[in-house]
Each structure stands twice: as structure tokens, then as C-alpha cells.
């Protein structure tokens, strides 16, 4: 069994390095905004009424800020050629020095037995309005900290702190940022 120092040494080179961009499959549309507002029963006219929205400070229909996570969820299913095109488009966004094949922090955690995850906390900043005409959403992330091993109620684990950025495809505007604390742990066998 590997020691904690070896685990931390394995993680250290992966910290504070942006991972590759990924793209949402679909562009932001008025229809998607309306479906979201239907479910949340949000009647704000800047999300529904193009005439009202044009006269607002936004000048157009926008999406509710918290819709960001609905838009960026992974789809349940897409045809393989659609998945390939989305992945190819995302790969074109990444600089040559961002190695897609570099092991991820999560894969190193799994190698050391920290295979189960639970969210310990999250903070989200909504920075800019976004909506139809902004294309798809670009997402990238980096892990910025890993705790020493802790004994928690569910077993032994480490807390990972990561930052994700959300940008528009069309003009690369930073529209949101999320800081996530994730507990990765070895479940108790008792």
C-alpha cells in the first residue's frame, strides 16, 4: 500500500494546471431557457419576452444565471458522430501544452483507493449574463488543493478543492466560476 507522502507526491504535479476545455453539446437557445423557466416557474420577462428583453439593460433575452449547471450537464445519450464532433471542436480550443493524456487528479485518487466521491461544499460566482447567440459553453477546471488524509465518518479520505471556469464559445467571455470541495474516500468495510 502506498504511503500518504507518495500520494501527495503523485498529486503535486497535477495541481494548479488547467485541464483541457470541454464543450457543451448544444448551444444556448430560447427554447432551453423557457423549458428551464417552466420547471422553476420563473416568470422574469427578460427570460421570456424578446421585446421586453431588448429594452432591458441586457438588450436581449438572457438565461437565468443558475441555469449554467443545467446547460453544462453531460447529455444522457448522443449519436457517436455528434460526440466525436463535440470532442473534436473542444480539442481545437486547447493549446498544445495542455496534455489531454495527462493522468487526472481523480484517476490518481482511484489508484490510491480514494474511489468514492461526495460533494463537501460548493461556491458559485455568476459573472456575466449569457444567452442565445453566445454559442455553446466552454468548461475547464483545475485542482488547486488536496488535504492530508482525514478520518471521516464514512472512512479515510482526502478533500480536493477545484475551480471550474465557464466561458461563452462565441467571444470567450467568462460567465461563471465554481469552487468545489470534493471528498474522495475509501469506504469503511464495517
Foldseek 3Di string as FASTA:
>chain_A
DDDLVVLCVVCVVQFPDKAFKAWQLWWFALVVQVVVCVVVVPPPVLSPPQVVVCPDPNNGRFHDQVCVVVQPDHDPDDPPVSVVVRVVVRVVVDDPPRDNPPDHSQVSCVVVQLPDKDWPDKDKDFDDTHGPPLTIKMKMKGWHDKARWDQDPFGIWIKIWMKMWIAGPPPGDTGMMMITIMIRHRGDPD
